[in-house]
Amino acid sequence: MEFKEFGLILFVEEYEKCIHFYRNVIKLPIRNRKETLVTFDLPNGYLMVEQGGIGSLQEKQRKQNPTVIRFDVESLTTAVEKLENRGAVFLNRTLQFDWGTIAVLLDPDGNRIELGEINHSSGSFKPNSD
């Protein structure tokens, strides 16, 4: 089967706050806007933020939301500083593992977002096909 692209749909309670967060803090470009959803462009796919979820004032537990949104970046320090300048608050600015380093923040609904600076031992490492 040939897939055209990958999409992730995130149901949220704090809809307008989440739209603001992904557009103005994370800086994802809007692809499409409908009455109850906004779709943001991602490299090779999209993130759809849609009304109808249940929010949390703190990080959602895995049983509430077993998904983590991860954005891999070239420089974790640079990415964290940029997001902090836009108002992001990090739970952890640096968590080091043998496979790389991450920073952790939450969206306005309590969904966990990680920024990752990965290395070749990461499960998401993609070797060059050159």
N, C-alpha and C. Protein backbone atom coordinates (compact mmCIF):
# COMPACT_ATOMS: atom_id res chain seq x y z
N MET A 1 0.84 -1.18 0.00
CA MET A 1 0.00 0.00 0.00
C MET A 1 0.89 1.24 0.00
N GLU A 2 0.56 2.19 -0.82
CA GLU A 2 1.31 3.44 -0.86
C GLU A 2 0.52 4.52 -0.14
N PHE A 3 1.12 5.07 0.90
CA PHE A 3 0.48 6.13 1.66
C PHE A 3 0.88 7.49 1.09
N LYS A 4 -0.05 8.41 1.06
CA LYS A 4 0.22 9.74 0.53
C LYS A 4 0.96 10.59 1.56
N GLU A 5 0.51 10.57 2.82
CA GLU A 5 1.21 11.29 3.89
C GLU A 5 0.71 10.78 5.23
N PHE A 6 1.36 11.22 6.29
CA PHE A 6 1.03 10.82 7.65
C PHE A 6 0.30 11.96 8.34
N GLY A 7 -0.74 11.64 9.10
CA GLY A 7 -1.45 12.64 9.87
C GLY A 7 -1.67 12.19 11.29
N LEU A 8 -1.67 13.15 12.19
CA LEU A 8 -1.95 12.90 13.60
C LEU A 8 -3.10 13.82 13.98
N ILE A 9 -4.16 13.24 14.55
CA ILE A 9 -5.32 14.02 14.98
C ILE A 9 -5.29 14.10 16.50
N LEU A 10 -5.34 15.31 17.02
CA LEU A 10 -5.29 15.56 18.45
C LEU A 10 -6.59 16.22 18.88
N PHE A 11 -7.40 15.50 19.65
CA PHE A 11 -8.65 16.06 20.16
C PHE A 11 -8.36 16.84 21.44
N VAL A 12 -8.81 18.09 21.51
CA VAL A 12 -8.49 18.97 22.63
C VAL A 12 -9.74 19.62 23.20
N GLU A 13 -9.65 20.01 24.45
CA GLU A 13 -10.71 20.77 25.12
C GLU A 13 -10.44 22.26 25.02
N GLU A 14 -9.20 22.66 25.26
CA GLU A 14 -8.80 24.07 25.20
C GLU A 14 -8.45 24.43 23.75
N TYR A 15 -9.45 24.36 22.90
CA TYR A 15 -9.27 24.46 21.46
C TYR A 15 -8.54 25.73 21.04
N GLU A 16 -9.05 26.90 21.38
CA GLU A 16 -8.43 28.16 20.95
C GLU A 16 -7.02 28.32 21.51
N LYS A 17 -6.83 27.93 22.77
CA LYS A 17 -5.49 28.01 23.37
C LYS A 17 -4.51 27.08 22.65
N CYS A 18 -4.98 25.90 22.28
CA CYS A 18 -4.12 24.95 21.55
C CYS A 18 -3.80 25.46 20.16
N ILE A 19 -4.78 26.06 19.48
CA ILE A 19 -4.52 26.64 18.16
C ILE A 19 -3.45 27.72 18.28
N HIS A 20 -3.60 28.60 19.25
CA HIS A 20 -2.60 29.66 19.48
C HIS A 20 -1.23 29.05 19.76
N PHE A 21 -1.18 28.03 20.60
CA PHE A 21 0.08 27.40 20.98
C PHE A 21 0.80 26.81 19.77
N TYR A 22 0.11 26.00 18.99
CA TYR A 22 0.76 25.35 17.85
C TYR A 22 1.10 26.34 16.74
N ARG A 23 0.30 27.39 16.60
CA ARG A 23 0.57 28.39 15.56
C ARG A 23 1.63 29.39 16.00
N ASN A 24 1.52 29.93 17.22
CA ASN A 24 2.38 31.05 17.63
C ASN A 24 3.58 30.67 18.49
N VAL A 25 3.51 29.56 19.17
CA VAL A 25 4.65 29.13 20.00
C VAL A 25 5.48 28.10 19.24
N ILE A 26 4.86 27.02 18.80
CA ILE A 26 5.57 25.99 18.05
C ILE A 26 5.88 26.47 16.63
N LYS A 27 5.07 27.39 16.11
CA LYS A 27 5.25 28.00 14.77
C LYS A 27 4.98 27.03 13.63
N LEU A 28 3.91 26.24 13.78
CA LEU A 28 3.49 25.39 12.68
C LEU A 28 2.59 26.19 11.75
N PRO A 29 2.81 26.10 10.45
CA PRO A 29 1.94 26.82 9.51
C PRO A 29 0.57 26.14 9.39
N ILE A 30 -0.46 26.96 9.31
CA ILE A 30 -1.82 26.44 9.14
C ILE A 30 -2.02 26.04 7.68
N ARG A 31 -2.49 24.83 7.49
CA ARG A 31 -2.82 24.31 6.17
C ARG A 31 -4.28 24.57 5.84
N ASN A 32 -5.15 24.34 6.83
CA ASN A 32 -6.57 24.42 6.59
C ASN A 32 -7.28 24.71 7.91
N ARG A 33 -8.35 25.47 7.84
CA ARG A 33 -9.13 25.78 9.03
C ARG A 33 -10.60 25.55 8.72
N LYS A 34 -11.24 24.76 9.56
CA LYS A 34 -12.68 24.49 9.47
C LYS A 34 -13.32 24.99 10.77
N GLU A 35 -14.60 24.78 10.91
CA GLU A 35 -15.31 25.28 12.09
C GLU A 35 -14.81 24.67 13.39
N THR A 36 -14.52 23.36 13.40
CA THR A 36 -14.14 22.69 14.64
C THR A 36 -12.75 22.06 14.60
N LEU A 37 -11.95 22.41 13.59
CA LEU A 37 -10.61 21.85 13.53
C LEU A 37 -9.68 22.77 12.74
N VAL A 38 -8.40 22.67 13.07
CA VAL A 38 -7.35 23.37 12.34
C VAL A 38 -6.27 22.35 12.03
N THR A 39 -5.82 22.34 10.77
CA THR A 39 -4.76 21.43 10.36
C THR A 39 -3.48 22.22 10.13
N PHE A 40 -2.41 21.75 10.77
CA PHE A 40 -1.09 22.38 10.66
C PHE A 40 -0.19 21.50 9.79
N ASP A 41 0.64 22.14 8.99
CA ASP A 41 1.62 21.41 8.19
C ASP A 41 2.78 20.94 9.05
N LEU A 42 3.20 19.72 8.79
CA LEU A 42 4.41 19.14 9.36
C LEU A 42 5.25 18.65 8.20
N PRO A 43 6.55 18.49 8.39
CA PRO A 43 7.33 17.86 7.33
C PRO A 43 6.75 16.46 7.05
N ASN A 44 6.36 16.22 5.83
CA ASN A 44 5.82 14.93 5.40
C ASN A 44 4.49 14.55 6.04
N GLY A 45 3.71 15.53 6.50
CA GLY A 45 2.43 15.19 7.08
C GLY A 45 1.73 16.40 7.69
N TYR A 46 0.84 16.09 8.64
CA TYR A 46 0.07 17.16 9.27
C TYR A 46 -0.31 16.79 10.70
N LEU A 47 -0.61 17.82 11.47
CA LEU A 47 -1.18 17.70 12.81
C LEU A 47 -2.54 18.39 12.75
N MET A 48 -3.59 17.64 13.01
CA MET A 48 -4.94 18.19 13.04
C MET A 48 -5.35 18.36 14.49
N VAL A 49 -5.70 19.57 14.87
CA VAL A 49 -6.17 19.87 16.22
C VAL A 49 -7.68 20.07 16.12
N GLU A 50 -8.40 19.24 16.85
CA GLU A 50 -9.86 19.20 16.70
C GLU A 50 -10.55 19.29 18.06
N GLN A 51 -11.70 19.94 18.08
CA GLN A 51 -12.49 20.03 19.30
C GLN A 51 -13.01 18.66 19.71
N GLY A 52 -13.28 18.51 21.01
CA GLY A 52 -13.90 17.28 21.48
C GLY A 52 -13.06 16.45 22.42
N GLY A 53 -11.91 16.96 22.84
CA GLY A 53 -11.07 16.22 23.77
C GLY A 53 -11.31 16.64 25.21
N ILE A 54 -10.53 16.09 26.10
CA ILE A 54 -10.59 16.42 27.52
C ILE A 54 -9.22 16.94 27.93
N GLY A 55 -9.18 18.15 28.44
CA GLY A 55 -7.92 18.77 28.83
C GLY A 55 -7.53 18.45 30.26
N SER A 56 -6.32 18.84 30.59
CA SER A 56 -5.80 18.66 31.94
C SER A 56 -4.89 19.84 32.26
N LEU A 57 -4.92 20.29 33.51
CA LEU A 57 -4.05 21.40 33.93
C LEU A 57 -2.62 20.93 34.13
N GLN A 58 -2.41 19.63 34.21
CA GLN A 58 -1.07 19.08 34.35
C GLN A 58 -0.86 18.04 33.25
N GLU A 59 0.33 17.48 33.19
CA GLU A 59 0.62 16.49 32.14
C GLU A 59 -0.34 15.32 32.24
N LYS A 60 -0.94 14.96 31.09
CA LYS A 60 -1.82 13.82 31.05
C LYS A 60 -1.02 12.54 31.28
N GLN A 61 -1.57 11.65 32.04
CA GLN A 61 -0.94 10.36 32.27
C GLN A 61 -1.10 9.49 31.02
N ARG A 62 -0.29 8.48 30.88
CA ARG A 62 -0.35 7.62 29.69
C ARG A 62 -1.71 6.97 29.51
N LYS A 63 -2.40 6.68 30.59
CA LYS A 63 -3.72 6.08 30.43
C LYS A 63 -4.74 7.09 29.91
N GLN A 64 -4.48 8.41 30.08
CA GLN A 64 -5.34 9.44 29.53
C GLN A 64 -4.99 9.75 28.08
N ASN A 65 -3.71 9.73 27.77
CA ASN A 65 -3.23 9.99 26.42
C ASN A 65 -1.90 9.26 26.24
N PRO A 66 -1.93 8.09 25.61
CA PRO A 66 -0.71 7.30 25.48
C PRO A 66 0.22 7.77 24.35
N THR A 67 0.01 8.98 23.86
CA THR A 67 0.78 9.50 22.74
C THR A 67 1.66 10.66 23.19
N VAL A 68 2.86 10.73 22.66
CA VAL A 68 3.76 11.86 22.86
C VAL A 68 4.04 12.45 21.49
N ILE A 69 3.97 13.76 21.38
CA ILE A 69 4.34 14.43 20.14
C ILE A 69 5.82 14.77 20.24
N ARG A 70 6.63 14.29 19.31
CA ARG A 70 8.07 14.53 19.35
C ARG A 70 8.49 15.27 18.09
N PHE A 71 9.18 16.37 18.27
CA PHE A 71 9.79 17.11 17.17
C PHE A 71 11.30 16.98 17.33
N ASP A 72 11.97 16.29 16.41
CA ASP A 72 13.42 16.19 16.46
C ASP A 72 14.02 17.45 15.85
N VAL A 73 15.06 17.96 16.50
CA VAL A 73 15.70 19.21 16.10
C VAL A 73 17.21 19.01 16.00
N GLU A 74 17.86 19.91 15.29
CA GLU A 74 19.32 19.86 15.17
C GLU A 74 20.00 20.26 16.48
N SER A 75 19.54 21.37 17.07
CA SER A 75 20.13 21.87 18.31
C SER A 75 19.04 22.05 19.36
N LEU A 76 19.07 21.22 20.37
CA LEU A 76 18.07 21.29 21.43
C LEU A 76 18.14 22.62 22.17
N THR A 77 19.34 23.08 22.48
CA THR A 77 19.51 24.35 23.20
C THR A 77 18.89 25.50 22.44
N THR A 78 19.15 25.58 21.15
CA THR A 78 18.60 26.65 20.32
C THR A 78 17.08 26.57 20.27
N ALA A 79 16.55 25.37 20.05
CA ALA A 79 15.09 25.20 19.96
C ALA A 79 14.40 25.56 21.27
N VAL A 80 14.96 25.14 22.40
CA VAL A 80 14.38 25.46 23.70
C VAL A 80 14.37 26.98 23.92
N GLU A 81 15.48 27.63 23.62
CA GLU A 81 15.56 29.09 23.80
C GLU A 81 14.53 29.81 22.93
N LYS A 82 14.37 29.39 21.68
CA LYS A 82 13.38 30.01 20.79
C LYS A 82 11.97 29.85 21.34
N LEU A 83 11.64 28.65 21.79
CA LEU A 83 10.30 28.42 22.31
C LEU A 83 10.06 29.16 23.62
N GLU A 84 11.06 29.22 24.48
CA GLU A 84 10.91 29.99 25.72
C GLU A 84 10.68 31.47 25.42
N ASN A 85 11.36 31.99 24.41
CA ASN A 85 11.15 33.40 24.01
C ASN A 85 9.74 33.64 23.50
N ARG A 86 9.06 32.59 23.04
CA ARG A 86 7.68 32.70 22.57
C ARG A 86 6.67 32.36 23.66
N GLY A 87 7.15 32.10 24.88
CA GLY A 87 6.25 31.85 26.00
C GLY A 87 6.12 30.41 26.45
N ALA A 88 6.83 29.48 25.83
CA ALA A 88 6.76 28.08 26.24
C ALA A 88 7.41 27.90 27.61
N VAL A 89 6.81 27.03 28.41
CA VAL A 89 7.36 26.69 29.72
C VAL A 89 7.69 25.20 29.69
N PHE A 90 8.93 24.87 29.97
CA PHE A 90 9.39 23.49 29.90
C PHE A 90 9.31 22.82 31.26
N LEU A 91 8.84 21.58 31.27
CA LEU A 91 8.90 20.77 32.48
C LEU A 91 10.34 20.34 32.73
N ASN A 92 11.04 20.02 31.64
CA ASN A 92 12.45 19.66 31.68
C ASN A 92 13.12 20.24 30.45
N ARG A 93 14.18 21.00 30.66
CA ARG A 93 14.92 21.58 29.53
C ARG A 93 15.91 20.58 28.95
N THR A 94 16.37 19.63 29.78
CA THR A 94 17.37 18.67 29.34
C THR A 94 17.21 17.36 30.09
N LEU A 95 16.86 16.31 29.37
CA LEU A 95 16.86 14.96 29.91
C LEU A 95 17.76 14.14 28.99
N GLN A 96 18.85 13.61 29.55
CA GLN A 96 19.83 12.90 28.72
C GLN A 96 19.65 11.39 28.83
N PHE A 97 19.75 10.74 27.67
CA PHE A 97 19.67 9.29 27.56
C PHE A 97 20.81 8.83 26.66
N ASP A 98 21.06 7.55 26.60
CA ASP A 98 22.14 7.07 25.72
C ASP A 98 21.81 7.29 24.25
N TRP A 99 20.55 7.40 23.88
CA TRP A 99 20.13 7.59 22.50
C TRP A 99 19.96 9.06 22.11
N GLY A 100 20.11 9.98 23.06
CA GLY A 100 19.97 11.40 22.75
C GLY A 100 19.48 12.19 23.94
N THR A 101 19.08 13.42 23.68
CA THR A 101 18.64 14.34 24.72
C THR A 101 17.29 14.92 24.31
N ILE A 102 16.39 15.06 25.30
CA ILE A 102 15.10 15.66 25.02
C ILE A 102 14.81 16.79 25.99
N ALA A 103 13.88 17.64 25.59
CA ALA A 103 13.27 18.64 26.46
C ALA A 103 11.78 18.36 26.44
N VAL A 104 11.09 18.65 27.55
CA VAL A 104 9.67 18.30 27.68
C VAL A 104 8.86 19.54 28.02
N LEU A 105 7.77 19.73 27.27
CA LEU A 105 6.81 20.79 27.57
C LEU A 105 5.42 20.25 27.32
N LEU A 106 4.41 21.01 27.70
CA LEU A 106 3.02 20.61 27.52
C LEU A 106 2.30 21.62 26.67
N ASP A 107 1.30 21.15 25.92
CA ASP A 107 0.42 22.10 25.24
C ASP A 107 -0.65 22.52 26.25
N PRO A 108 -1.52 23.46 25.92
CA PRO A 108 -2.52 23.94 26.88
C PRO A 108 -3.51 22.89 27.36
N ASP A 109 -3.58 21.74 26.72
CA ASP A 109 -4.48 20.66 27.12
C ASP A 109 -3.77 19.61 27.97
N GLY A 110 -2.47 19.79 28.24
CA GLY A 110 -1.72 18.83 29.04
C GLY A 110 -1.10 17.70 28.24
N ASN A 111 -1.10 17.83 26.90
CA ASN A 111 -0.47 16.82 26.06
C ASN A 111 1.04 17.00 26.08
N ARG A 112 1.77 15.92 26.27
CA ARG A 112 3.23 15.95 26.34
C ARG A 112 3.83 16.16 24.95
N ILE A 113 4.76 17.10 24.89
CA ILE A 113 5.52 17.37 23.68
C ILE A 113 6.99 17.27 24.05
N GLU A 114 7.75 16.57 23.22
CA GLU A 114 9.18 16.47 23.43
C GLU A 114 9.91 17.05 22.23
N LEU A 115 10.97 17.77 22.51
CA LEU A 115 11.92 18.15 21.48
C LEU A 115 13.09 17.19 21.64
N GLY A 116 13.53 16.61 20.55
CA GLY A 116 14.58 15.61 20.64
C GLY A 116 15.80 15.96 19.81
N GLU A 117 16.95 15.81 20.43
CA GLU A 117 18.23 15.88 19.72
C GLU A 117 18.79 14.47 19.80
N ILE A 118 18.58 13.70 18.75
CA ILE A 118 18.85 12.27 18.79
C ILE A 118 20.22 11.93 18.21
N ASN A 119 20.67 10.71 18.49
CA ASN A 119 21.91 10.23 17.87
C ASN A 119 21.62 8.90 17.17
N HIS A 120 22.64 8.26 16.63
CA HIS A 120 22.49 7.05 15.83
C HIS A 120 21.89 5.88 16.59
N SER A 121 21.88 5.90 17.91
CA SER A 121 21.31 4.78 18.66
C SER A 121 19.83 4.98 18.99
N SER A 122 19.25 6.09 18.56
CA SER A 122 17.83 6.36 18.80
C SER A 122 16.96 5.44 17.97
N GLY A 123 15.83 5.06 18.51
CA GLY A 123 14.87 4.27 17.75
C GLY A 123 14.32 4.99 16.55
N SER A 124 14.36 6.33 16.55
CA SER A 124 13.84 7.10 15.42
C SER A 124 14.93 7.55 14.45
N PHE A 125 16.17 7.12 14.71
CA PHE A 125 17.28 7.51 13.83
C PHE A 125 17.03 7.01 12.41
N LYS A 126 17.23 7.88 11.44
CA LYS A 126 17.04 7.53 10.03
C LYS A 126 18.38 7.71 9.31
N PRO A 127 19.04 6.60 8.96
CA PRO A 127 20.33 6.73 8.28
C PRO A 127 20.15 7.34 6.90
N ASN A 128 21.16 8.07 6.47
CA ASN A 128 21.14 8.64 5.11
C ASN A 128 21.17 7.51 4.10
N SER A 129 20.42 7.67 3.05
CA SER A 129 20.39 6.64 2.00
C SER A 129 21.28 7.02 0.83
N ASP A 130 22.26 7.90 1.08
CA ASP A 130 23.18 8.34 0.02
C ASP A 130 24.12 7.25 -0.39
